[in-house]
Protein backbone atom coordinates (compact mmCIF):
# COMPACT_ATOMS: atom_id res chain seq x y z
CA MET A 1 83.96 50.54 32.41
CA ASN A 2 83.48 53.03 29.61
CA ILE A 3 81.88 52.83 26.09
CA ARG A 4 84.31 51.43 23.59
CA THR A 5 84.07 54.42 21.29
CA ASP A 6 86.81 53.03 19.19
CA LEU A 7 84.56 50.25 18.16
CA LEU A 8 81.77 52.68 17.01
CA LEU A 9 81.11 53.39 13.32
CA PRO A 10 81.39 57.09 12.19
CA ALA A 11 77.66 57.03 11.50
CA THR A 12 76.86 55.70 14.95
CA ARG A 13 79.26 58.39 16.60
CA ALA A 14 77.60 61.15 14.50
CA PHE A 15 73.98 59.93 15.55
CA LEU A 16 74.96 59.95 19.17
CA GLN A 17 76.36 63.33 18.92
CA ARG A 18 73.22 65.00 17.12
CA PRO A 19 70.62 66.56 19.43
CA LYS A 20 67.76 64.25 20.00
CA ARG A 21 64.35 65.58 19.05
CA MET A 22 60.88 64.09 18.74
CA LEU A 23 59.32 63.82 15.09
CA ILE A 24 55.93 65.57 15.10
CA GLY A 25 54.09 66.77 12.08
CA GLY A 26 57.38 66.27 9.90
CA GLN A 27 59.40 68.39 12.25
CA TRP A 28 62.03 67.50 14.88
CA VAL A 29 61.03 69.28 18.04
CA ALA A 30 61.82 69.28 21.86
CA ALA A 31 59.34 68.51 24.38
CA ALA A 32 56.88 71.34 24.86
CA ASP A 33 58.12 72.05 28.35
CA GLY A 34 61.68 71.26 27.54
CA ALA A 35 61.98 68.31 29.88
CA VAL A 36 64.60 65.60 29.08
CA PHE A 37 65.67 62.21 30.32
CA VAL A 38 68.96 60.46 29.91
CA SER A 39 69.35 57.23 27.86
CA GLU A 40 72.15 55.16 29.23
CA ASP A 41 74.24 52.18 28.04
CA PRO A 42 73.33 49.36 30.33
CA ALA A 43 76.78 47.68 29.91
CA THR A 44 78.70 50.75 31.35
CA GLU A 45 75.91 52.87 32.99
CA SER A 46 77.30 55.71 30.96
CA PRO A 47 74.92 58.25 29.50
CA LEU A 48 74.28 58.07 25.67
CA ALA A 49 71.98 60.91 25.12
CA GLU A 50 69.44 63.34 26.49
CA VAL A 51 66.10 62.58 25.10
CA PRO A 52 62.87 64.78 25.08
CA ALA A 53 60.44 63.70 27.90
CA GLY A 54 57.17 64.10 26.16
CA LYS A 55 53.96 64.57 28.01
CA SER A 56 50.24 65.21 27.25
CA ALA A 57 50.89 68.28 25.23
CA ASP A 58 53.34 66.63 22.94
CA ILE A 59 51.05 63.78 22.47
CA ASP A 60 48.21 66.01 21.56
CA ALA A 61 50.36 67.64 18.88
CA ALA A 62 51.38 64.45 17.44
CA VAL A 63 47.84 63.04 17.35
CA GLN A 64 46.64 66.24 15.65
CA ALA A 65 49.39 65.94 13.05
CA ALA A 66 48.56 62.29 12.48
CA ARG A 67 44.79 63.16 12.18
CA HIS A 68 45.57 65.95 9.64
CA ALA A 69 47.66 63.68 7.57
CA PHE A 70 45.12 60.77 7.60
CA ALA A 71 42.22 63.09 6.53
CA GLN A 72 43.97 65.53 4.22
CA GLY A 73 46.95 65.90 2.06
CA PRO A 74 49.27 63.65 0.14
CA TRP A 75 48.95 60.58 2.34
CA ALA A 76 45.09 60.52 2.25
CA ALA A 77 45.37 60.59 -1.67
CA MET A 78 47.95 57.89 -2.03
CA ARG A 79 47.03 54.60 -3.81
CA PRO A 80 48.00 51.17 -2.38
CA SER A 81 50.95 50.94 -4.69
CA ASP A 82 52.33 54.32 -3.38
CA ARG A 83 52.21 53.05 0.09
CA GLU A 84 53.98 49.87 -1.05
CA ARG A 85 56.67 51.89 -2.59
CA LEU A 86 57.34 53.84 0.50
CA LEU A 87 57.38 50.82 2.72
CA LEU A 88 59.85 49.04 0.29
CA ARG A 89 61.99 52.19 0.28
CA LEU A 90 62.00 52.36 4.18
CA ALA A 91 63.04 48.73 4.12
CA ASP A 92 65.90 49.45 1.74
CA LEU A 93 67.15 52.31 4.04
CA VAL A 94 67.08 50.09 7.08
CA GLU A 95 69.00 47.48 5.30
CA ALA A 96 71.46 50.15 4.11
CA ASN A 97 72.09 51.40 7.70
CA ALA A 98 72.09 48.01 9.23
CA ASP A 99 75.43 48.06 11.01
CA GLU A 100 74.67 51.51 12.54
CA LEU A 101 71.31 50.55 13.59
CA ALA A 102 72.66 47.38 15.19
CA GLN A 103 75.43 49.35 17.14
CA ILE A 104 72.46 51.80 18.26
CA GLU A 105 70.48 48.81 19.55
CA ALA A 106 73.44 47.28 21.26
CA LEU A 107 74.40 50.47 23.16
CA ASP A 108 70.83 51.41 24.04
CA ASN A 109 69.64 47.81 24.93
CA GLY A 110 72.65 45.84 25.71
CA LYS A 111 72.38 42.90 23.32
CA PRO A 112 75.26 41.82 21.15
CA ALA A 113 75.56 43.92 18.02
CA SER A 114 76.20 40.88 16.03
CA MET A 115 72.77 39.54 17.18
CA ALA A 116 71.00 42.73 16.63
CA ARG A 117 72.46 42.86 13.13
CA ALA A 118 71.41 39.31 12.18
CA VAL A 119 68.01 39.28 14.06
CA ASP A 120 66.54 42.58 14.87
CA VAL A 121 67.73 44.65 11.99
CA ALA A 122 67.45 42.10 9.15
CA THR A 123 64.07 40.95 10.41
CA ALA A 124 62.84 44.49 10.54
CA ALA A 125 63.70 45.17 6.90
CA SER A 126 62.30 41.81 5.84
CA PHE A 127 58.95 42.51 7.71
CA LEU A 128 58.62 45.96 6.27
CA ARG A 129 59.00 44.39 2.71
CA TYR A 130 56.44 41.76 3.55
CA MET A 131 53.96 44.39 4.71
CA GLY A 132 54.72 46.59 1.74
CA GLY A 133 53.46 43.68 -0.35
CA TRP A 134 50.15 43.55 1.49
CA ALA A 135 49.33 47.24 0.71
CA THR A 136 48.04 46.25 -2.79
CA LYS A 137 46.19 43.01 -1.68
CA LEU A 138 43.87 44.15 0.91
CA HIS A 139 40.34 44.08 -0.38
CA GLY A 140 36.61 43.42 0.40
CA GLU A 141 34.44 41.06 -1.29
CA SER A 142 31.40 41.04 -3.40
CA LEU A 143 28.17 39.39 -1.78
CA ASP A 144 25.18 37.67 -3.40
CA VAL A 145 22.56 38.69 -0.91
CA SER A 146 18.89 37.77 -0.36
CA VAL A 147 16.63 40.56 0.95
CA PRO A 148 13.26 38.84 1.61
CA LEU A 149 11.25 41.86 1.99
CA VAL A 150 12.14 43.51 -1.31
CA ARG A 151 11.91 40.90 -3.98
CA GLU A 152 11.18 43.36 -6.86
CA ARG A 153 14.59 44.93 -6.71
CA GLU A 154 18.13 43.68 -7.53
CA PHE A 155 21.06 44.60 -5.16
CA VAL A 156 24.80 44.99 -5.69
CA THR A 157 26.35 44.40 -2.40
CA PHE A 158 30.01 44.47 -1.36
CA THR A 159 32.44 45.01 1.50
CA ARG A 160 35.39 47.57 1.86
CA GLN A 161 38.30 47.38 4.09
CA GLU A 162 39.17 50.81 5.23
CA ALA A 163 42.02 52.10 7.45
CA VAL A 164 41.05 52.52 11.01
CA GLY A 165 42.53 55.91 11.28
CA VAL A 166 45.17 57.22 13.87
CA VAL A 167 47.07 54.48 15.64
CA GLY A 168 48.80 54.92 18.99
CA ALA A 169 51.61 52.44 19.14
CA ILE A 170 53.50 51.70 22.29
CA ILE A 171 56.54 49.37 22.10
CA PRO A 172 58.73 47.56 24.58
CA TRP A 173 62.46 47.66 25.32
CA ASN A 174 63.53 44.12 24.44
CA PHE A 175 63.44 44.52 20.52
CA PRO A 176 62.96 48.33 20.10
CA LEU A 177 63.60 48.54 16.36
CA LEU A 178 61.83 45.32 15.43
CA MET A 179 58.86 46.08 17.56
CA ALA A 180 58.59 49.50 15.86
CA ALA A 181 58.49 47.79 12.44
CA TRP A 182 55.91 45.46 13.76
CA LYS A 183 53.59 48.29 14.55
CA LEU A 184 54.42 50.65 11.67
CA GLY A 185 54.32 47.99 8.80
CA PRO A 186 50.65 46.91 9.02
CA ALA A 187 49.44 50.42 10.01
CA LEU A 188 51.08 52.07 7.05
CA ALA A 189 50.19 49.44 4.62
CA SER A 190 46.62 49.91 5.59
CA GLY A 191 46.69 53.67 5.06
CA CYS A 192 46.71 54.47 8.80
CA THR A 193 48.82 57.29 10.40
CA VAL A 194 50.73 56.55 13.70
CA VAL A 195 52.01 58.07 16.87
CA LEU A 196 54.82 55.79 18.05
CA LYS A 197 55.92 55.79 21.71
CA PRO A 198 59.12 53.79 22.26
CA ALA A 199 60.16 52.56 25.65
CA GLU A 200 61.73 55.06 28.00
CA GLU A 201 64.74 52.72 28.37
CA THR A 202 65.49 52.37 24.67
CA PRO A 203 64.37 55.31 22.61
CA LEU A 204 67.36 55.73 20.28
CA SER A 205 66.69 53.23 17.47
CA ALA A 206 63.10 54.55 17.16
CA LEU A 207 64.64 58.05 16.58
CA ARG A 208 67.07 56.89 14.13
CA LEU A 209 64.24 55.06 12.32
CA GLY A 210 62.44 58.34 12.25
CA GLU A 211 65.29 59.88 10.46
CA LEU A 212 65.10 57.08 7.85
CA ILE A 213 61.18 57.58 7.51
CA VAL A 214 61.77 61.23 6.67
CA GLU A 215 64.43 60.24 4.13
CA ALA A 216 62.16 57.68 2.64
CA GLY A 217 59.76 60.47 1.72
CA TYR A 218 56.79 59.94 4.05
CA PRO A 219 54.48 62.89 4.17
CA ALA A 220 54.60 65.08 7.30
CA GLY A 221 52.45 63.57 10.13
CA VAL A 222 52.07 60.11 8.71
CA VAL A 223 54.56 58.80 11.38
CA ASN A 224 55.06 60.85 14.59
CA ILE A 225 57.57 59.64 17.31
CA VAL A 226 57.17 60.94 20.77
CA THR A 227 59.56 59.78 23.53
CA GLY A 228 58.81 59.91 27.29
CA GLY A 229 57.69 57.85 30.28
CA GLY A 230 54.60 55.57 30.43
CA ALA A 231 52.88 57.29 33.21
CA ASP A 232 52.89 60.80 31.31
CA CYS A 233 53.50 60.11 27.66
CA GLY A 234 51.99 56.53 27.15
CA ALA A 235 48.88 57.18 29.24
CA ALA A 236 48.19 60.29 27.43
CA LEU A 237 48.48 58.42 24.01
CA VAL A 238 46.04 55.57 25.22
CA ALA A 239 43.48 58.06 26.54
CA HIS A 240 43.56 60.67 23.64
CA PRO A 241 40.06 60.82 22.20
CA ASP A 242 41.28 61.21 18.65
CA VAL A 243 43.34 57.91 18.57
CA ASP A 244 41.28 55.28 16.77
CA LYS A 245 43.26 52.29 17.77
CA VAL A 246 45.93 51.50 20.37
CA THR A 247 48.40 48.70 19.83
CA PHE A 248 50.56 47.87 22.78
CA THR A 249 53.45 45.28 23.41
CA GLY A 250 54.63 44.83 27.00
CA SER A 251 53.80 43.21 30.29
CA THR A 252 50.40 41.80 31.13
CA GLU A 253 50.14 44.09 34.24
CA VAL A 254 50.55 47.22 32.12
CA GLY A 255 48.52 45.85 29.12
CA LYS A 256 45.54 45.37 31.40
CA ARG A 257 45.53 49.11 32.27
CA VAL A 258 46.07 50.00 28.64
CA GLY A 259 43.07 47.87 27.71
CA THR A 260 41.04 49.36 30.38
CA ALA A 261 41.77 52.92 29.31
CA ALA A 262 41.24 52.24 25.62
CA MET A 263 37.86 50.44 26.09
CA GLN A 264 36.72 53.37 28.32
CA ARG A 265 36.21 55.15 24.94
CA LEU A 266 35.75 51.98 22.89
CA ALA A 267 38.99 52.54 20.89
CA ARG A 268 40.21 49.56 18.94
CA VAL A 269 42.86 47.71 21.00
CA THR A 270 45.37 44.84 20.44
CA LEU A 271 47.64 43.57 23.25
CA GLU A 272 50.69 41.50 22.81
CA LEU A 273 51.61 40.60 26.54
CA GLY A 274 53.74 38.45 28.76
CA GLY A 275 54.43 34.72 28.68
CA LYS A 276 55.58 31.83 30.77
CA SER A 277 56.49 29.47 27.98
CA PRO A 278 56.93 25.68 28.79
CA VAL A 279 59.53 23.70 27.02
CA ILE A 280 58.40 20.00 27.00
CA MET A 281 61.07 17.45 26.35
CA LEU A 282 59.81 13.93 25.51
CA ASP A 283 61.70 10.98 26.64
CA ASP A 284 63.21 10.04 23.26
CA MET A 285 65.41 13.29 23.44
CA SER A 286 68.99 12.83 24.61
CA PRO A 287 70.20 15.03 27.56
CA GLU A 288 72.64 16.72 25.25
CA ALA A 289 70.14 17.47 22.66
CA ALA A 290 67.43 18.58 25.26
CA ALA A 291 70.00 20.85 26.85
CA ALA A 292 70.89 22.41 23.73
CA GLY A 293 67.20 23.07 22.85
CA ALA A 294 66.48 24.44 26.26
CA ALA A 295 69.48 26.81 26.17
CA GLN A 296 68.10 28.09 22.79
CA ALA A 297 64.67 28.56 24.26
CA ILE A 298 65.73 30.69 27.39
CA PHE A 299 69.04 32.51 26.80
CA PHE A 300 68.25 34.15 23.66
CA ASN A 301 68.34 38.00 23.99
CA GLN A 302 69.38 37.72 27.62
CA GLY A 303 66.01 35.94 28.32
CA GLN A 304 64.33 39.16 27.71
CA VAL A 305 61.74 37.65 25.32
CA CYS A 306 58.06 37.27 25.89
CA THR A 307 58.19 33.89 24.48
CA ALA A 308 61.26 32.86 26.65
CA GLY A 309 61.07 29.02 27.61
CA SER A 310 61.45 29.49 31.26
CA ARG A 311 59.90 26.33 32.35
CA LEU A 312 61.73 23.27 31.43
CA TYR A 313 59.84 20.05 31.64
CA LEU A 314 62.04 16.80 31.80
CA PRO A 315 61.25 13.14 31.95
CA ARG A 316 62.55 12.23 35.33
CA ARG A 317 65.05 9.62 33.99
CA HIS A 318 66.67 12.34 32.05
CA PHE A 319 66.42 14.97 34.59
CA ASP A 320 69.70 15.18 36.25
CA ALA A 321 71.92 14.52 33.14
CA THR A 322 69.98 17.26 31.26
CA VAL A 323 70.29 19.88 33.99
CA GLU A 324 73.98 19.07 34.20
CA ALA A 325 74.40 19.54 30.49
CA LEU A 326 72.34 22.70 30.43
CA ALA A 327 74.52 24.23 33.27
CA GLY A 328 77.46 23.54 31.17
CA ILE A 329 76.10 25.57 28.30
CA ALA A 330 75.10 28.37 30.68
CA ASN A 331 78.65 28.59 32.12
CA GLY A 332 80.10 29.02 28.67
CA PHE A 333 78.57 32.37 27.76
CA ARG A 334 80.81 35.37 27.73
CA LEU A 335 79.27 38.32 29.41
CA GLY A 336 80.28 41.90 28.08
CA ALA A 337 79.09 45.03 26.28
CA GLY A 338 76.94 44.46 23.38
CA ILE A 339 79.25 46.54 21.26
CA GLU A 340 82.21 44.11 21.93
CA PRO A 341 82.64 41.55 19.08
CA ASP A 342 83.27 38.52 21.36
CA THR A 343 80.29 39.06 23.70
CA THR A 344 77.78 36.21 23.70
CA MET A 345 75.41 37.72 26.38
CA GLY A 346 74.98 41.29 27.13
CA PRO A 347 73.63 42.95 30.25
CA LEU A 348 69.90 43.28 31.27
CA VAL A 349 68.38 46.53 30.19
CA SER A 350 68.42 48.38 33.51
CA ALA A 351 69.29 48.25 37.20
CA ARG A 352 65.57 47.83 37.95
CA GLN A 353 65.26 44.75 35.60
CA ARG A 354 68.46 43.20 37.19
CA GLN A 355 67.07 43.81 40.65
CA ARG A 356 63.78 42.18 39.59
CA VAL A 357 65.41 38.98 38.12
CA ALA A 358 67.61 38.76 41.22
CA GLY A 359 64.46 38.79 43.35
CA TYR A 360 62.85 36.10 41.47
CA VAL A 361 65.95 33.91 41.73
CA GLN A 362 66.10 34.43 45.59
CA ALA A 363 62.43 33.69 45.93
CA GLY A 364 62.78 30.48 43.83
CA VAL A 365 65.54 29.33 46.19
CA GLU A 366 63.38 30.27 49.33
CA ASP A 367 60.50 28.22 47.70
CA GLY A 368 62.63 25.08 47.53
CA ALA A 369 64.66 25.35 44.17
CA THR A 370 68.02 24.44 43.86
CA LEU A 371 70.34 27.18 42.28
CA VAL A 372 72.44 25.01 39.89
CA CYS A 373 74.30 27.96 38.23
CA GLY A 374 74.22 31.63 37.62
CA GLY A 375 72.77 34.63 39.42
CA PRO A 376 73.89 38.29 39.54
CA ALA A 377 77.19 38.77 37.97
CA ASP A 378 79.91 40.21 40.12
CA THR A 379 80.80 43.42 38.10
CA SER A 380 81.62 46.94 39.23
CA ARG A 381 79.40 48.46 36.54
CA GLY A 382 76.67 47.30 34.24
CA HIS A 383 73.46 45.38 34.72
CA PHE A 384 74.81 41.89 34.05
CA PHE A 385 73.23 38.79 35.10
CA ARG A 386 74.62 35.21 34.50
CA PRO A 387 72.68 32.53 32.72
CA THR A 388 70.84 30.84 35.51
CA VAL A 389 69.46 27.31 35.92
CA LEU A 390 67.11 26.43 38.84
CA ALA A 391 65.96 22.95 39.58
CA GLY A 392 63.04 21.44 41.51
CA ALA A 393 60.79 24.32 42.35
CA PRO A 394 57.10 23.55 43.37
CA ASP A 395 54.51 24.40 40.83
CA SER A 396 53.18 27.18 42.91
CA ALA A 397 56.57 29.04 43.20
CA SER A 398 56.75 32.57 41.60
CA VAL A 399 59.56 31.35 39.37
CA VAL A 400 57.16 28.77 37.84
CA GLN A 401 54.05 30.95 37.70
CA GLU A 402 55.34 34.49 36.91
CA GLU A 403 57.15 36.07 33.98
CA ILE A 404 60.76 36.76 34.89
CA PHE A 405 62.09 38.31 31.75
CA GLY A 406 65.64 37.30 32.26
CA PRO A 407 68.03 34.43 31.56
CA VAL A 408 66.51 32.24 34.26
CA VAL A 409 65.13 28.71 33.50
CA VAL A 410 63.52 26.43 36.16
CA ALA A 411 63.85 22.71 35.33
CA LEU A 412 61.06 20.51 36.40
CA PRO A 413 60.61 16.68 36.33
CA TYR A 414 57.58 14.79 35.09
CA ASP A 415 56.46 11.27 34.93
CA GLU A 416 53.58 11.10 32.51
CA ILE A 417 52.41 13.11 29.48
CA ASP A 418 48.93 13.60 30.90
CA GLU A 419 50.67 15.21 34.01
CA VAL A 420 52.85 17.58 32.00
CA VAL A 421 50.07 18.86 29.92
CA GLY A 422 48.19 19.96 33.01
CA ARG A 423 51.25 21.61 34.48
CA ALA A 424 52.30 23.32 31.26
CA ASN A 425 48.83 24.89 30.95
CA GLY A 426 48.73 25.69 34.55
CA THR A 427 49.76 29.46 34.53
CA PRO A 428 47.62 32.53 33.55
CA PHE A 429 49.70 32.77 30.42
CA GLY A 430 49.37 31.22 26.92
CA LEU A 431 51.80 32.98 24.56
CA ALA A 432 54.02 30.04 23.24
CA ALA A 433 55.35 26.62 24.06
CA SER A 434 57.66 24.23 22.50
CA VAL A 435 57.59 20.33 22.18
CA TRP A 436 60.74 18.44 21.54
CA SER A 437 60.65 14.87 20.19
CA ASN A 438 61.31 12.74 17.00
CA ASP A 439 58.09 10.88 17.56
CA LEU A 440 55.69 13.06 15.49
CA SER A 441 52.77 10.83 16.21
CA ARG A 442 53.09 11.81 19.99
CA VAL A 443 53.75 15.34 19.01
CA HIS A 444 50.59 15.68 16.86
CA ARG A 445 48.54 14.30 19.66
CA LEU A 446 50.22 16.77 22.22
CA VAL A 447 50.00 20.03 20.33
CA PRO A 448 46.25 20.48 20.48
CA ARG A 449 46.23 20.06 24.11
CA ILE A 450 48.49 22.93 24.77
CA LYS A 451 46.75 26.33 25.35
CA ALA A 452 49.24 28.76 23.54
CA GLY A 453 49.21 31.04 20.48
CA THR A 454 52.35 29.39 19.07
CA VAL A 455 53.42 25.90 19.51
CA TRP A 456 57.04 25.18 18.29
CA VAL A 457 58.24 21.62 17.63
CA ASN A 458 62.03 20.99 17.83
CA CYS A 459 62.57 24.64 17.90
CA HIS A 460 61.85 27.74 19.92
CA ASN A 461 61.62 31.55 19.50
CA LEU A 462 61.42 31.37 15.73
CA LEU A 463 58.99 33.58 13.82
CA ASP A 464 58.04 34.18 10.22
CA ASN A 465 56.40 37.26 8.66
CA ALA A 466 53.56 35.15 7.32
CA MET A 467 52.86 33.58 10.72
CA PRO A 468 50.33 35.20 13.03
CA PHE A 469 51.66 35.82 16.49
CA GLY A 470 49.76 36.38 19.77
CA GLY A 471 48.48 34.70 22.90
CA PHE A 472 45.85 32.79 24.65
CA LYS A 473 44.53 33.75 28.16
CA GLN A 474 46.38 36.64 29.69
CA SER A 475 48.99 36.66 27.05
CA GLY A 476 47.02 39.20 24.94
CA ILE A 477 44.20 39.98 22.55
CA GLY A 478 44.76 39.95 18.65
CA ARG A 479 47.48 38.91 16.36
CA GLU A 480 50.66 40.47 14.98
CA MET A 481 52.05 39.67 11.60
CA GLY A 482 50.65 37.63 8.68
CA ARG A 483 47.31 38.31 7.04
CA ALA A 484 45.59 38.18 10.32
CA VAL A 485 47.12 41.52 11.62
CA PHE A 486 45.10 43.62 9.08
CA GLU A 487 41.97 42.72 10.87
CA HIS A 488 43.14 45.02 13.64
CA TYR A 489 44.09 48.07 11.33
CA THR A 490 41.09 48.07 9.14
CA GLU A 491 37.30 48.53 9.63
CA THR A 492 34.85 46.52 7.32
CA LYS A 493 32.25 48.57 5.67
CA SER A 494 29.25 47.02 3.97
CA VAL A 495 27.78 48.58 0.99
CA MET A 496 24.32 47.78 -0.55
CA ILE A 497 23.09 49.40 -3.80
CA ALA A 498 19.52 48.88 -4.98
CA VAL A 499 19.63 48.83 -8.81
């Protein structure tokens, strides 16, 4: 199978043909040692582009550029309204190039271009606009203080919210463009500068976004993009002594290492990590409605979603009928390259990820689960994996306890609500959950008992720019989006003036 170049826009073809360089200090540069790696199309395993393999020397150059831009030059002198205008201009450029960006995402990640256009690109533009609006609304507060030891003086006291400084941002491969926007938006609105490291599997949309950042008129060094592997490039960014704040989205395993390294030098850190989200169907949901909701929760983005609803809790009396209906939905997906218009599920991002997901399914069967449908797709090329439904695994099984990050759901029967609450909370994760019922009285009693950063009711995987997002337990530290995100990109300074 080869890439369908006949389906590519001229702009997409032109981007793929351009030499790929990193953005450092406003210049497009190769890696200091000239090293490269190949980005491939996961649907065809064909090479897309050679990309610089940045290492510590490249990270150091990018951090120095970001530090200079933060402390001196036009960015340091910009007012909040100037930062707002730049973010709005960038959002307009993302929107104007939406079809090209969607194709780049489909080629590099594998997801359907139609989904990338409607979700990834549209949401990225919307988020940048939302964050642009916040640039002029960040402020401290005045305080009426009591200083008991100095009663003969009056005091004017207030707080300031000041940009934290240079931000090292590491993003994952499942939503490359959108995650870049999630990191850049609040950092730039706050007045920070950024060194962005995209995932090695999916560097291309970040590099195209870098071109749009330059076109938007951002001063040199405000945004730097360094491509490379996690062990060389990412680790160097986290450990760099001149990075004031690290923000990481990825697996819990890697996030723990990132957090430990950042805290070694007391850098500010936020971590948006893994999940094992329960989907709880109450007994007033019909099997058909429950199956449709469960499919929405798990099969979106090939299941490569940190909030994927990978544990499906069903009332025992509806269990068999719901599993049968869900299998029918799963078998209706059309697997294919993301660039093809009739594809409804693309490949997984890499051969390693396909092998990982297959290993979990095999382990689940060995632990006692029934494979209802799905498994690795029988294709000569491409990292395809069919939507998969497992039924009846014990709660101790790895498919119940661990994040799979693929289109795999395990259906589990329950008898009582108290039982299902304990089981839903019974993993190390707490990123998200959903409850499905038309009985809102029962729902309202259930929601406070679920230990998760987001609880959806009668929906799943839906987010809004104003809605803080993050996890309990080992699903992370801090929040993305909303007003809450600025707590992580600013420092609070107290000022007291004796008058």
